[in-house]
Amino acid sequence: MPKQKSNKGLRKRLKVTATGKIKHRQPGHSHLMSGKSAKRRRRLRGSSVITGAAAKRLRVRL
């Protein structure tokens, strides 16, 4: 039985940490910054961790 291929587009956007958590870049931080508040821009700056059922579902695809 052949192995399932990983989703290459997803692999480029997500990173699995050493403890198995899934890190991703916050969406909405590429353009149209003037319409967003300074607080919102600060929050979008860093990366975020996906947890729970969504992380389980994504780990299969990676």
PDB file of N, CA and C in Angstrom:
ATOM      1  N   MET A   1       0.840  -1.181   0.000  1.00  0.00           N
ATOM      2  CA  MET A   1       0.000   0.000   0.000  1.00  0.00           C
ATOM      3  C   MET A   1       0.893   1.255   0.000  1.00  0.00           C
ATOM      4  N   PRO A   2       0.715   2.159  -0.965  1.00  0.00           N
ATOM      5  CA  PRO A   2       1.561   3.356  -0.984  1.00  0.00           C
ATOM      6  C   PRO A   2       1.200   4.332   0.132  1.00  0.00           C
ATOM      7  N   LYS A   3       2.196   5.113   0.525  1.00  0.00           N
ATOM      8  CA  LYS A   3       1.981   6.106   1.572  1.00  0.00           C
ATOM      9  C   LYS A   3       1.234   7.311   0.996  1.00  0.00           C
ATOM     10  N   GLN A   4       0.473   8.006   1.849  1.00  0.00           N
ATOM     11  CA  GLN A   4      -0.225   9.205   1.423  1.00  0.00           C
ATOM     12  C   GLN A   4       0.770  10.352   1.300  1.00  0.00           C
ATOM     13  N   LYS A   5       0.661  11.108   0.219  1.00  0.00           N
ATOM     14  CA  LYS A   5       1.569  12.232   0.017  1.00  0.00           C
ATOM     15  C   LYS A   5       1.179  13.389   0.927  1.00  0.00           C
ATOM     16  N   SER A   6       2.203  14.131   1.366  1.00  0.00           N
ATOM     17  CA  SER A   6       1.919  15.317   2.177  1.00  0.00           C
ATOM     18  C   SER A   6       1.537  16.456   1.244  1.00  0.00           C
ATOM     19  N   ASN A   7       0.751  17.394   1.749  1.00  0.00           N
ATOM     20  CA  ASN A   7       0.327  18.545   0.967  1.00  0.00           C
ATOM     21  C   ASN A   7       1.474  19.555   0.949  1.00  0.00           C
ATOM     22  N   LYS A   8       2.121  19.713  -0.194  1.00  0.00           N
ATOM     23  CA  LYS A   8       3.327  20.545  -0.285  1.00  0.00           C
ATOM     24  C   LYS A   8       3.035  22.025  -0.029  1.00  0.00           C
ATOM     25  N   GLY A   9       1.862  22.504  -0.460  1.00  0.00           N
ATOM     26  CA  GLY A   9       1.500  23.891  -0.212  1.00  0.00           C
ATOM     27  C   GLY A   9       1.334  24.168   1.274  1.00  0.00           C
ATOM     28  N   LEU A  10       0.776  23.200   1.983  1.00  0.00           N
ATOM     29  CA  LEU A  10       0.566  23.317   3.420  1.00  0.00           C
ATOM     30  C   LEU A  10       1.895  23.249   4.173  1.00  0.00           C
ATOM     31  N   ARG A  11       2.790  22.405   3.698  1.00  0.00           N
ATOM     32  CA  ARG A  11       4.092  22.254   4.353  1.00  0.00           C
ATOM     33  C   ARG A  11       4.903  23.534   4.317  1.00  0.00           C
ATOM     34  N   LYS A  12       4.716  24.327   3.245  1.00  0.00           N
ATOM     35  CA  LYS A  12       5.452  25.583   3.128  1.00  0.00           C
ATOM     36  C   LYS A  12       4.898  26.656   4.067  1.00  0.00           C
ATOM     37  N   ARG A  13       3.647  26.525   4.468  1.00  0.00           N
ATOM     38  CA  ARG A  13       3.001  27.542   5.290  1.00  0.00           C
ATOM     39  C   ARG A  13       3.015  27.220   6.780  1.00  0.00           C
ATOM     40  N   LEU A  14       3.174  25.962   7.127  1.00  0.00           N
ATOM     41  CA  LEU A  14       3.134  25.539   8.521  1.00  0.00           C
ATOM     42  C   LEU A  14       4.459  24.921   8.935  1.00  0.00           C
ATOM     43  N   LYS A  15       4.709  24.945  10.256  1.00  0.00           N
ATOM     44  CA  LYS A  15       5.922  24.325  10.775  1.00  0.00           C
ATOM     45  C   LYS A  15       5.552  23.541  12.025  1.00  0.00           C
ATOM     46  N   VAL A  16       6.009  22.300  12.114  1.00  0.00           N
ATOM     47  CA  VAL A  16       5.763  21.487  13.303  1.00  0.00           C
ATOM     48  C   VAL A  16       6.946  21.669  14.243  1.00  0.00           C
ATOM     49  N   THR A  17       6.670  22.054  15.483  1.00  0.00           N
ATOM     50  CA  THR A  17       7.729  22.266  16.467  1.00  0.00           C
ATOM     51  C   THR A  17       8.208  20.914  17.011  1.00  0.00           C
ATOM     52  N   ALA A  18       9.248  20.964  17.822  1.00  0.00           N
ATOM     53  CA  ALA A  18       9.815  19.732  18.384  1.00  0.00           C
ATOM     54  C   ALA A  18       8.828  19.006  19.281  1.00  0.00           C
ATOM     55  N   THR A  19       7.912  19.751  19.910  1.00  0.00           N
ATOM     56  CA  THR A  19       6.925  19.131  20.794  1.00  0.00           C
ATOM     57  C   THR A  19       5.657  18.716  20.054  1.00  0.00           C
ATOM     58  N   GLY A  20       5.620  18.958  18.733  1.00  0.00           N
ATOM     59  CA  GLY A  20       4.480  18.522  17.934  1.00  0.00           C
ATOM     60  C   GLY A  20       3.407  19.569  17.713  1.00  0.00           C
ATOM     61  N   LYS A  21       3.632  20.786  18.191  1.00  0.00           N
ATOM     62  CA  LYS A  21       2.666  21.855  17.958  1.00  0.00           C
ATOM     63  C   LYS A  21       2.840  22.383  16.531  1.00  0.00           C
ATOM     64  N   ILE A  22       1.779  22.976  15.989  1.00  0.00           N
ATOM     65  CA  ILE A  22       1.832  23.492  14.629  1.00  0.00           C
ATOM     66  C   ILE A  22       1.825  25.015  14.666  1.00  0.00           C
ATOM     67  N   LYS A  23       2.896  25.608  14.108  1.00  0.00           N
ATOM     68  CA  LYS A  23       3.028  27.058  14.064  1.00  0.00           C
ATOM     69  C   LYS A  23       2.637  27.550  12.679  1.00  0.00           C
ATOM     70  N   HIS A  24       2.041  28.761  12.628  1.00  0.00           N
ATOM     71  CA  HIS A  24       1.706  29.375  11.345  1.00  0.00           C
ATOM     72  C   HIS A  24       1.797  30.882  11.459  1.00  0.00           C
ATOM     73  N   ARG A  25       1.917  31.543  10.323  1.00  0.00           N
ATOM     74  CA  ARG A  25       1.968  33.003  10.282  1.00  0.00           C
ATOM     75  C   ARG A  25       0.544  33.530  10.321  1.00  0.00           C
ATOM     76  N   GLN A  26       0.335  34.630  11.022  1.00  0.00           N
ATOM     77  CA  GLN A  26      -0.999  35.195  11.137  1.00  0.00           C
ATOM     78  C   GLN A  26      -1.488  35.694   9.779  1.00  0.00           C
ATOM     79  N   PRO A  27      -2.710  35.340   9.371  1.00  0.00           N
ATOM     80  CA  PRO A  27      -3.217  35.849   8.104  1.00  0.00           C
ATOM     81  C   PRO A  27      -3.635  37.311   8.210  1.00  0.00           C
ATOM     82  N   GLY A  28      -3.639  38.000   7.084  1.00  0.00           N
ATOM     83  CA  GLY A  28      -4.088  39.395   7.055  1.00  0.00           C
ATOM     84  C   GLY A  28      -2.996  40.392   7.360  1.00  0.00           C
ATOM     85  N   HIS A  29      -1.745  40.042   7.115  1.00  0.00           N
ATOM     86  CA  HIS A  29      -0.645  40.947   7.452  1.00  0.00           C
ATOM     87  C   HIS A  29       0.202  41.302   6.235  1.00  0.00           C
ATOM     88  N   SER A  30      -0.341  41.136   5.040  1.00  0.00           N
ATOM     89  CA  SER A  30       0.467  41.401   3.846  1.00  0.00           C
ATOM     90  C   SER A  30       0.201  42.766   3.227  1.00  0.00           C
ATOM     91  N   HIS A  31      -1.019  43.276   3.330  1.00  0.00           N
ATOM     92  CA  HIS A  31      -1.322  44.591   2.752  1.00  0.00           C
ATOM     93  C   HIS A  31      -2.553  45.179   3.434  1.00  0.00           C
ATOM     94  N   LEU A  32      -2.926  46.400   3.042  1.00  0.00           N
ATOM     95  CA  LEU A  32      -4.057  47.142   3.617  1.00  0.00           C
ATOM     96  C   LEU A  32      -3.884  47.367   5.125  1.00  0.00           C
ATOM     97  N   MET A  33      -2.676  47.737   5.511  1.00  0.00           N
ATOM     98  CA  MET A  33      -2.379  47.937   6.929  1.00  0.00           C
ATOM     99  C   MET A  33      -2.981  49.228   7.474  1.00  0.00           C
ATOM    100  N   SER A  34      -3.184  50.227   6.605  1.00  0.00           N
ATOM    101  CA  SER A  34      -3.663  51.534   7.084  1.00  0.00           C
ATOM    102  C   SER A  34      -5.076  51.451   7.647  1.00  0.00           C
ATOM    103  N   GLY A  35      -5.856  50.502   7.183  1.00  0.00           N
ATOM    104  CA  GLY A  35      -7.223  50.349   7.671  1.00  0.00           C
ATOM    105  C   GLY A  35      -7.331  49.594   8.975  1.00  0.00           C
ATOM    106  N   LYS A  36      -6.235  49.037   9.435  1.00  0.00           N
ATOM    107  CA  LYS A  36      -6.244  48.238  10.663  1.00  0.00           C
ATOM    108  C   LYS A  36      -5.662  49.051  11.813  1.00  0.00           C
ATOM    109  N   SER A  37      -6.162  48.814  13.007  1.00  0.00           N
ATOM    110  CA  SER A  37      -5.680  49.554  14.176  1.00  0.00           C
ATOM    111  C   SER A  37      -4.271  49.096  14.545  1.00  0.00           C
ATOM    112  N   ALA A  38      -3.562  49.952  15.275  1.00  0.00           N
ATOM    113  CA  ALA A  38      -2.186  49.636  15.685  1.00  0.00           C
ATOM    114  C   ALA A  38      -2.162  48.391  16.562  1.00  0.00           C
ATOM    115  N   LYS A  39      -3.171  48.233  17.407  1.00  0.00           N
ATOM    116  CA  LYS A  39      -3.260  47.069  18.287  1.00  0.00           C
ATOM    117  C   LYS A  39      -3.385  45.788  17.463  1.00  0.00           C
ATOM    118  N   ARG A  40      -4.226  45.849  16.435  1.00  0.00           N
ATOM    119  CA  ARG A  40      -4.442  44.683  15.567  1.00  0.00           C
ATOM    120  C   ARG A  40      -3.173  44.348  14.790  1.00  0.00           C
ATOM    121  N   ARG A  41      -2.451  45.382  14.319  1.00  0.00           N
ATOM    122  CA  ARG A  41      -1.208  45.156  13.577  1.00  0.00           C
ATOM    123  C   ARG A  41      -0.149  44.525  14.462  1.00  0.00           C
ATOM    124  N   ARG A  42      -0.088  44.946  15.712  1.00  0.00           N
ATOM    125  CA  ARG A  42       0.871  44.358  16.655  1.00  0.00           C
ATOM    126  C   ARG A  42       0.571  42.884  16.882  1.00  0.00           C
ATOM    127  N   ARG A  43      -0.721  42.558  17.020  1.00  0.00           N
ATOM    128  CA  ARG A  43      -1.114  41.168  17.250  1.00  0.00           C
ATOM    129  C   ARG A  43      -0.818  40.278  16.045  1.00  0.00           C
ATOM    130  N   LEU A  44      -0.895  40.856  14.856  1.00  0.00           N
ATOM    131  CA  LEU A  44      -0.646  40.087  13.646  1.00  0.00           C
ATOM    132  C   LEU A  44       0.844  39.845  13.394  1.00  0.00           C
ATOM    133  N   ARG A  45       1.687  40.565  14.100  1.00  0.00           N
ATOM    134  CA  ARG A  45       3.119  40.548  13.823  1.00  0.00           C
ATOM    135  C   ARG A  45       3.763  39.173  14.009  1.00  0.00           C
ATOM    136  N   GLY A  46       3.498  38.516  15.116  1.00  0.00           N
ATOM    137  CA  GLY A  46       4.167  37.257  15.419  1.00  0.00           C
ATOM    138  C   GLY A  46       3.485  36.050  14.801  1.00  0.00           C
ATOM    139  N   SER A  47       4.017  34.892  15.081  1.00  0.00           N
ATOM    140  CA  SER A  47       3.391  33.654  14.616  1.00  0.00           C
ATOM    141  C   SER A  47       2.457  33.125  15.699  1.00  0.00           C
ATOM    142  N   SER A  48       1.605  32.180  15.315  1.00  0.00           N
ATOM    143  CA  SER A  48       0.598  31.655  16.223  1.00  0.00           C
ATOM    144  C   SER A  48       0.642  30.133  16.199  1.00  0.00           C
ATOM    145  N   VAL A  49       0.088  29.511  17.234  1.00  0.00           N
ATOM    146  CA  VAL A  49       0.067  28.056  17.336  1.00  0.00           C
ATOM    147  C   VAL A  49      -1.359  27.551  17.134  1.00  0.00           C
ATOM    148  N   ILE A  50      -1.502  26.544  16.279  1.00  0.00           N
ATOM    149  CA  ILE A  50      -2.812  25.920  16.049  1.00  0.00           C
ATOM    150  C   ILE A  50      -2.946  24.774  17.040  1.00  0.00           C
ATOM    151  N   THR A  51      -4.068  24.725  17.745  1.00  0.00           N
ATOM    152  CA  THR A  51      -4.268  23.683  18.754  1.00  0.00           C
ATOM    153  C   THR A  51      -5.575  22.947  18.515  1.00  0.00           C
ATOM    154  N   GLY A  52      -5.782  21.910  19.273  1.00  0.00           N
ATOM    155  CA  GLY A  52      -7.053  21.187  19.275  1.00  0.00           C
ATOM    156  C   GLY A  52      -7.283  20.323  18.062  1.00  0.00           C
ATOM    157  N   ALA A  53      -8.543  20.206  17.671  1.00  0.00           N
ATOM    158  CA  ALA A  53      -8.948  19.321  16.580  1.00  0.00           C
ATOM    159  C   ALA A  53      -8.356  19.766  15.249  1.00  0.00           C
ATOM    160  N   ALA A  54      -8.220  21.081  15.056  1.00  0.00           N
ATOM    161  CA  ALA A  54      -7.654  21.597  13.805  1.00  0.00           C
ATOM    162  C   ALA A  54      -6.207  21.131  13.640  1.00  0.00           C
ATOM    163  N   ALA A  55      -5.441  21.134  14.714  1.00  0.00           N
ATOM    164  CA  ALA A  55      -4.042  20.703  14.665  1.00  0.00           C
ATOM    165  C   ALA A  55      -3.953  19.215  14.333  1.00  0.00           C
ATOM    166  N   LYS A  56      -4.831  18.417  14.900  1.00  0.00           N
ATOM    167  CA  LYS A  56      -4.857  16.981  14.628  1.00  0.00           C
ATOM    168  C   LYS A  56      -5.122  16.715  13.154  1.00  0.00           C
ATOM    169  N   ARG A  57      -6.093  17.457  12.606  1.00  0.00           N
ATOM    170  CA  ARG A  57      -6.476  17.295  11.215  1.00  0.00           C
ATOM    171  C   ARG A  57      -5.343  17.698  10.272  1.00  0.00           C
ATOM    172  N   LEU A  58      -4.628  18.765  10.629  1.00  0.00           N
ATOM    173  CA  LEU A  58      -3.536  19.263   9.788  1.00  0.00           C
ATOM    174  C   LEU A  58      -2.309  18.368   9.855  1.00  0.00           C
ATOM    175  N   ARG A  59      -2.059  17.764  11.025  1.00  0.00           N
ATOM    176  CA  ARG A  59      -0.871  16.929  11.200  1.00  0.00           C
ATOM    177  C   ARG A  59      -0.881  15.738  10.245  1.00  0.00           C
ATOM    178  N   VAL A  60      -2.079  15.245   9.901  1.00  0.00           N
ATOM    179  CA  VAL A  60      -2.206  14.120   8.970  1.00  0.00           C
ATOM    180  C   VAL A  60      -1.748  14.543   7.578  1.00  0.00           C
ATOM    181  N   ARG A  61      -2.052  15.781   7.195  1.00  0.00           N
ATOM    182  CA  ARG A  61      -1.724  16.279   5.864  1.00  0.00           C
ATOM    183  C   ARG A  61      -0.233  16.617   5.726  1.00  0.00           C
ATOM    184  N   LEU A  62       0.439  16.870   6.857  1.00  0.00           N
ATOM    185  CA  LEU A  62       1.861  17.212   6.819  1.00  0.00           C
ATOM    186  C   LEU A  62       2.642  15.928   6.803  1.00  0.00           C
TER     187      LEU A  62
END
